[in-house]
N, C-alpha and C. Protein backbone atom coordinates (compact mmCIF):
# COMPACT_ATOMS: atom_id res chain seq x y z
N MET A 1 -17.72 1.46 -21.86
CA MET A 1 -18.48 0.88 -21.21
C MET A 1 -19.31 1.65 -20.54
N SER A 2 -20.88 1.74 -20.13
CA SER A 2 -21.65 2.56 -19.21
C SER A 2 -21.32 2.47 -17.44
N THR A 3 -21.10 3.62 -16.98
CA THR A 3 -20.90 4.20 -15.51
C THR A 3 -22.21 4.09 -14.50
N GLY A 4 -23.28 4.07 -15.51
CA GLY A 4 -24.76 4.03 -14.50
C GLY A 4 -24.40 2.50 -13.45
N ALA A 5 -26.09 2.92 -12.88
CA ALA A 5 -26.41 1.94 -11.54
C ALA A 5 -26.73 0.78 -11.93
N GLU A 6 -27.11 0.71 -13.34
CA GLU A 6 -27.34 -0.58 -13.56
C GLU A 6 -26.18 -1.58 -14.36
N ALA A 7 -24.93 -0.70 -15.26
CA ALA A 7 -23.92 -1.69 -15.28
C ALA A 7 -23.07 -2.06 -14.06
N PHE A 8 -23.08 -0.98 -13.09
CA PHE A 8 -23.22 -1.23 -11.48
C PHE A 8 -23.34 -2.44 -11.39
N ARG A 9 -24.82 -2.67 -11.40
CA ARG A 9 -25.80 -4.05 -10.53
C ARG A 9 -25.18 -5.22 -11.71
N VAL A 10 -24.60 -5.04 -12.77
CA VAL A 10 -24.43 -6.38 -13.50
C VAL A 10 -22.64 -6.95 -13.60
N LEU A 11 -22.22 -5.84 -13.36
CA LEU A 11 -20.56 -6.04 -12.92
C LEU A 11 -20.14 -6.57 -11.88
N THR A 12 -21.31 -6.33 -10.22
CA THR A 12 -21.18 -6.59 -8.89
C THR A 12 -22.08 -8.04 -8.59
N GLY A 13 -22.85 -8.59 -9.63
CA GLY A 13 -23.68 -9.80 -9.60
C GLY A 13 -24.64 -9.79 -9.16
N GLY A 14 -24.70 -8.27 -9.05
CA GLY A 14 -26.56 -7.84 -8.19
C GLY A 14 -26.53 -7.17 -7.22
N HIS A 15 -25.46 -6.53 -6.82
CA HIS A 15 -25.50 -5.38 -5.99
C HIS A 15 -25.81 -4.18 -6.51
N GLN A 16 -26.73 -3.80 -5.76
CA GLN A 16 -27.77 -2.41 -6.14
C GLN A 16 -26.84 -1.07 -5.71
N LEU A 17 -26.69 -0.19 -6.31
CA LEU A 17 -26.97 1.23 -5.32
C LEU A 17 -27.74 1.81 -4.54
N VAL A 18 -27.43 2.44 -3.76
CA VAL A 18 -28.72 3.04 -3.19
C VAL A 18 -28.58 4.46 -3.07
N GLY A 19 -29.30 6.03 -3.59
CA GLY A 19 -29.03 6.80 -3.10
C GLY A 19 -28.01 8.00 -4.13
N GLU A 20 -27.60 8.91 -3.91
CA GLU A 20 -26.54 9.20 -4.78
C GLU A 20 -25.28 8.71 -4.75
N TYR A 21 -24.72 8.78 -5.91
CA TYR A 21 -23.15 8.57 -5.62
C TYR A 21 -22.52 9.32 -7.17
N ARG A 22 -21.12 9.56 -7.11
CA ARG A 22 -20.39 9.73 -8.26
C ARG A 22 -19.75 8.82 -8.79
N PHE A 23 -19.40 8.18 -9.95
CA PHE A 23 -18.50 7.59 -10.42
C PHE A 23 -17.18 8.47 -10.41
N CYS A 24 -15.68 7.59 -10.28
CA CYS A 24 -14.88 7.94 -10.11
C CYS A 24 -13.60 6.77 -11.40
N ALA A 25 -13.36 7.04 -12.19
CA ALA A 25 -12.14 6.36 -12.81
C ALA A 25 -10.87 6.25 -12.55
N LEU A 26 -10.30 5.74 -11.79
CA LEU A 26 -8.95 5.24 -11.22
C LEU A 26 -8.14 4.98 -12.18
N THR A 27 -6.85 5.47 -12.27
CA THR A 27 -6.02 4.78 -13.40
C THR A 27 -4.80 4.05 -12.11
N ILE A 28 -3.86 3.33 -12.98
CA ILE A 28 -2.73 3.13 -12.17
C ILE A 28 -1.85 4.36 -12.09
N LYS A 29 -1.49 4.96 -13.42
CA LYS A 29 -0.90 5.98 -13.70
C LYS A 29 -1.42 6.99 -12.16
N GLY A 30 -2.98 7.39 -12.68
CA GLY A 30 -3.34 8.30 -11.60
C GLY A 30 -2.75 8.76 -9.75
N LEU A 31 -2.77 6.27 -9.55
CA LEU A 31 -2.64 6.28 -8.15
C LEU A 31 -0.76 6.71 -8.09
N GLU A 32 0.10 6.29 -8.92
CA GLU A 32 1.36 6.94 -8.87
C GLU A 32 1.75 7.96 -8.58
N ARG A 33 0.68 9.20 -8.56
CA ARG A 33 1.14 10.51 -8.66
C ARG A 33 0.68 10.36 -7.03
N GLU A 34 0.70 9.87 -6.09
CA GLU A 34 -0.36 10.30 -5.00
C GLU A 34 0.51 9.69 -3.87
N PRO A 35 2.09 9.22 -3.81
CA PRO A 35 3.05 8.68 -3.16
C PRO A 35 3.10 8.95 -1.52
N GLU A 36 2.25 10.24 -1.14
CA GLU A 36 2.41 10.92 -0.27
C GLU A 36 1.13 10.37 0.99
N ASN A 37 0.32 9.28 0.45
CA ASN A 37 -1.07 8.73 0.79
C ASN A 37 -0.48 7.38 1.04
N PRO A 38 -0.71 6.82 2.78
CA PRO A 38 0.43 5.54 2.88
C PRO A 38 -0.57 4.54 2.41
N TYR A 39 -2.50 4.75 2.03
CA TYR A 39 -3.25 3.39 1.25
C TYR A 39 -2.09 3.99 0.07
N VAL A 40 -1.66 4.35 -0.66
CA VAL A 40 -1.26 3.84 -1.72
C VAL A 40 0.15 3.39 -1.71
N ALA A 41 1.12 4.33 -0.75
CA ALA A 41 2.69 3.62 -0.81
C ALA A 41 2.42 2.04 -0.03
N VAL A 42 1.58 1.64 -0.02
CA VAL A 42 2.25 0.60 0.43
C VAL A 42 1.88 -0.32 -1.21
N PHE A 43 0.98 0.06 -2.35
CA PHE A 43 1.44 -1.13 -3.34
C PHE A 43 2.09 -0.35 -4.41
N ALA A 44 2.96 0.08 -3.60
CA ALA A 44 3.82 0.50 -4.92
C ALA A 44 4.93 -0.07 -5.55
N PRO A 45 5.49 -1.46 -4.82
CA PRO A 45 5.63 -2.21 -5.44
C PRO A 45 5.07 -2.94 -6.29
N LEU A 46 3.55 -3.05 -6.20
CA LEU A 46 2.88 -3.52 -7.56
C LEU A 46 3.04 -2.30 -8.57
N LEU A 47 3.08 -1.47 -8.60
CA LEU A 47 2.62 -0.20 -9.37
C LEU A 47 3.81 0.39 -10.40
N ILE A 48 5.06 0.43 -9.60
CA ILE A 48 6.52 1.43 -10.03
C ILE A 48 6.75 0.00 -10.78
N GLU A 49 7.11 -0.03 -11.83
CA GLU A 49 7.72 -1.22 -12.60
C GLU A 49 8.99 -1.04 -12.48
N ASP A 50 10.12 -0.37 -12.55
CA ASP A 50 11.64 0.04 -12.87
C ASP A 50 11.78 -0.60 -11.16
N ASP A 51 12.85 -1.61 -11.01
CA ASP A 51 13.08 -2.10 -9.70
C ASP A 51 14.32 -1.37 -9.41
N ALA A 52 15.03 -0.53 -9.88
CA ALA A 52 15.60 0.15 -9.50
C ALA A 52 15.18 1.91 -8.90
N GLU A 53 13.86 2.12 -9.80
CA GLU A 53 13.34 3.31 -9.13
C GLU A 53 12.78 3.41 -8.03
N LEU A 54 12.13 2.05 -8.07
CA LEU A 54 11.10 1.34 -6.54
C LEU A 54 12.28 1.34 -5.15
N GLN A 55 13.35 0.79 -5.98
CA GLN A 55 14.53 0.72 -4.89
C GLN A 55 15.20 1.97 -4.18
N ALA A 56 15.18 3.02 -5.48
CA ALA A 56 15.26 4.53 -4.42
C ALA A 56 14.14 5.27 -3.95
N ARG A 57 12.77 4.85 -4.16
CA ARG A 57 11.45 5.44 -3.40
C ARG A 57 11.76 4.61 -1.58
N ALA A 58 11.62 3.29 -2.15
CA ALA A 58 11.68 2.45 -0.87
C ALA A 58 11.44 3.32 0.55
N PRO A 59 13.23 3.78 0.66
CA PRO A 59 13.14 4.83 2.07
C PRO A 59 11.72 5.36 2.78
N ALA A 60 11.69 6.29 1.57
CA ALA A 60 10.35 7.42 1.05
C ALA A 60 9.02 7.03 1.31
N LEU A 61 8.79 5.68 0.84
CA LEU A 61 7.47 4.85 0.68
C LEU A 61 7.69 4.40 2.00
N TRP A 62 8.16 3.93 2.83
CA TRP A 62 8.43 3.70 4.17
C TRP A 62 8.15 4.44 5.39
N ARG A 63 8.95 5.57 5.09
CA ARG A 63 8.71 7.03 6.08
C ARG A 63 6.98 7.32 5.62
N THR A 64 6.69 7.44 4.37
CA THR A 64 5.38 7.78 4.30
C THR A 64 3.90 7.19 4.62
N VAL A 65 4.42 5.81 5.48
CA VAL A 65 3.37 5.06 5.62
C VAL A 65 3.70 5.35 7.31
N GLN A 66 4.64 5.38 7.82
CA GLN A 66 5.57 5.50 9.41
C GLN A 66 5.26 7.04 9.72
N GLU A 67 4.95 8.06 8.94
CA GLU A 67 4.20 9.22 9.06
C GLU A 67 3.04 9.70 9.33
N ALA A 68 1.89 8.74 8.44
CA ALA A 68 0.88 9.10 8.05
C ALA A 68 -0.12 9.20 9.45
N PRO A 69 -0.63 10.12 9.33
CA PRO A 69 -1.71 10.41 10.50
C PRO A 69 -3.04 9.46 10.93
N VAL A 70 -2.57 8.14 11.09
CA VAL A 70 -3.50 7.07 11.24
C VAL A 70 -2.73 6.48 12.47
N LEU A 71 -3.98 5.77 13.67
CA LEU A 71 -3.95 5.20 14.74
C LEU A 71 -2.72 4.09 14.48
N PRO A 72 -2.33 3.69 15.31
CA PRO A 72 -1.04 2.95 15.42
C PRO A 72 -1.08 1.65 14.73
N GLU A 73 -2.02 1.10 15.37
CA GLU A 73 -3.21 -0.58 14.50
C GLU A 73 -3.13 -0.41 13.46
N VAL A 74 -3.32 0.55 12.85
CA VAL A 74 -3.23 0.96 10.82
C VAL A 74 -2.25 1.02 10.93
N ARG A 75 -1.47 1.55 11.40
CA ARG A 75 0.00 1.46 10.56
C ARG A 75 0.70 1.11 10.77
N ALA A 76 0.52 -0.19 12.04
CA ALA A 76 1.25 -1.37 11.74
C ALA A 76 0.76 -2.33 10.53
N LEU A 77 -0.44 -2.44 10.74
CA LEU A 77 -0.52 -3.13 9.41
C LEU A 77 -0.34 -2.79 7.73
N LEU A 78 -0.57 -1.14 7.18
CA LEU A 78 0.04 -0.47 6.85
C LEU A 78 1.90 -0.79 6.22
N SER A 79 2.27 -1.46 7.45
CA SER A 79 3.56 -1.01 7.36
C SER A 79 3.70 -2.39 6.81
N HIS A 80 2.92 -3.32 7.34
CA HIS A 80 3.36 -5.40 7.08
C HIS A 80 2.47 -5.08 5.53
N VAL A 81 1.58 -4.63 5.17
CA VAL A 81 1.71 -4.78 4.15
C VAL A 81 2.60 -3.94 3.15
N LEU A 82 2.99 -3.28 3.12
CA LEU A 82 4.21 -2.51 2.54
C LEU A 82 5.28 -3.88 2.24
N GLU A 83 5.99 -4.01 3.64
CA GLU A 83 6.97 -5.23 4.08
C GLU A 83 7.28 -6.50 2.84
N PHE A 84 5.52 -6.56 2.83
CA PHE A 84 5.04 -8.36 2.26
C PHE A 84 5.19 -7.83 0.73
N TRP A 85 4.66 -6.50 0.24
CA TRP A 85 5.03 -6.51 -1.29
C TRP A 85 6.62 -6.24 -1.27
N PHE A 86 7.28 -5.87 -1.20
CA PHE A 86 8.80 -6.10 -1.21
C PHE A 86 9.12 -7.35 -1.29
N PHE A 87 8.87 -7.86 -0.28
CA PHE A 87 9.27 -9.13 0.11
C PHE A 87 9.23 -9.80 -1.45
N GLU A 88 7.77 -9.62 -2.00
CA GLU A 88 7.42 -10.28 -3.13
C GLU A 88 8.11 -10.27 -4.67
N ARG A 89 8.32 -8.85 -4.52
CA ARG A 89 8.80 -7.88 -5.80
C ARG A 89 10.18 -8.72 -5.53
N PHE A 90 10.70 -8.53 -4.32
CA PHE A 90 12.63 -8.52 -4.43
C PHE A 90 12.73 -10.29 -3.85
N ARG A 91 12.36 -11.43 -4.46
CA ARG A 91 12.26 -12.56 -3.68
C ARG A 91 13.72 -13.02 -3.74
N GLY A 92 14.69 -12.51 -4.80
CA GLY A 92 16.02 -12.67 -4.69
C GLY A 92 16.81 -12.29 -3.76
N LEU A 93 16.22 -11.04 -2.79
CA LEU A 93 16.84 -10.29 -1.59
C LEU A 93 16.78 -11.09 -0.05
N THR A 94 17.63 -11.25 0.08
CA THR A 94 17.52 -11.39 1.91
C THR A 94 16.66 -10.18 2.42
N ALA A 95 16.04 -10.63 3.86
CA ALA A 95 15.59 -10.01 4.68
C ALA A 95 16.34 -8.80 5.35
N GLY A 96 17.66 -9.00 5.82
CA GLY A 96 18.36 -7.83 5.96
C GLY A 96 18.68 -6.85 4.94
N GLU A 97 18.55 -7.45 3.41
CA GLU A 97 19.09 -6.90 2.15
C GLU A 97 17.55 -5.98 1.69
N ILE A 98 16.32 -6.22 2.52
CA ILE A 98 15.16 -5.69 2.25
C ILE A 98 14.66 -4.69 2.65
N TRP A 99 15.61 -4.92 4.37
CA TRP A 99 14.99 -3.74 5.29
C TRP A 99 16.24 -2.67 5.02
N ALA A 100 17.41 -3.18 4.78
CA ALA A 100 18.20 -1.76 4.48
C ALA A 100 17.33 -0.93 3.53
N MET A 101 17.08 -1.67 2.41
CA MET A 101 16.23 -0.49 1.60
C MET A 101 15.11 0.41 1.77
N LEU A 102 14.96 -0.10 2.50
CA LEU A 102 13.58 0.27 3.32
C LEU A 102 14.31 1.45 4.57
N ASN A 103 15.96 1.24 5.04
CA ASN A 103 16.51 2.15 5.94
C ASN A 103 15.96 1.62 7.43
N LEU A 104 15.61 0.40 7.68
CA LEU A 104 14.96 0.13 8.51
C LEU A 104 16.51 -0.86 9.14
N VAL A 105 16.65 -0.68 10.34
CA VAL A 105 18.29 -0.96 11.62
C VAL A 105 17.10 -2.28 12.32
N THR A 106 16.22 -2.50 12.30
CA THR A 106 14.97 -2.98 13.16
C THR A 106 14.39 -4.19 12.09
N PRO A 107 14.06 -5.17 12.70
CA PRO A 107 12.90 -5.89 11.55
C PRO A 107 11.88 -4.62 12.05
N ILE A 108 10.64 -5.44 10.82
CA ILE A 108 9.46 -4.49 11.31
C ILE A 108 8.64 -5.45 12.37
N GLN A 109 9.34 -7.07 12.93
CA GLN A 109 8.49 -7.68 13.39
C GLN A 109 8.73 -7.21 14.45
N GLU A 110 9.90 -6.41 15.24
CA GLU A 110 10.69 -6.20 16.34
C GLU A 110 10.13 -4.56 17.20
N THR A 111 9.58 -4.11 15.87
CA THR A 111 8.87 -2.62 16.56
C THR A 111 8.04 -2.63 16.94
N ARG A 112 8.08 -1.33 17.68
CA ARG A 112 6.88 -1.30 19.14
C ARG A 112 5.07 -1.59 17.93
N ALA A 113 5.51 -0.53 17.43
CA ALA A 113 4.41 -0.27 16.60
C ALA A 113 3.81 -1.72 16.19
N TYR A 114 4.34 -2.50 15.18
CA TYR A 114 3.82 -3.44 14.98
C TYR A 114 3.41 -4.92 16.12
N GLN A 115 4.51 -4.77 17.24
CA GLN A 115 3.58 -5.02 18.27
C GLN A 115 2.10 -4.82 18.91
N ARG A 116 2.24 -3.73 18.89
CA ARG A 116 1.41 -3.24 19.47
C ARG A 116 -0.10 -3.64 18.59
N GLY A 117 -0.21 -3.48 17.14
CA GLY A 117 -1.03 -3.99 16.25
C GLY A 117 -1.25 -5.45 15.97
N ARG A 118 -0.34 -5.90 16.31
CA ARG A 118 -0.04 -7.66 16.38
C ARG A 118 -1.03 -7.94 18.16
N LEU A 119 -0.72 -7.02 18.85
CA LEU A 119 -1.04 -7.98 20.17
C LEU A 119 -2.89 -7.00 20.31
N GLY A 120 -2.55 -6.01 19.60
CA GLY A 120 -3.98 -5.14 20.31
C GLY A 120 -5.24 -5.26 19.72
């Protein structure tokens, strides 16, 4: 498939590119190699197929989001998104089991970062 401006216009229902642009094809496998990126980490439950691998990586994924150099409200939002996808992925687990998997002692909703994001 073409990657030019006309292909973009057709695929987006008429949106047109203005000025210089650079096409970059991302693949799921390529994204999996960026677990230290908090914006990628939040989608790990969608990208990592093996449940055991995802469970093993859960604490590191959570730390990636918690330690990211982003504004507190962005961190709270990313935390909420990651938590959401873990709940969706592991529907058979209780909230406590998922929080334990993420190494959370306190539920996300009770953390200061989450409350600031919700109230801010």
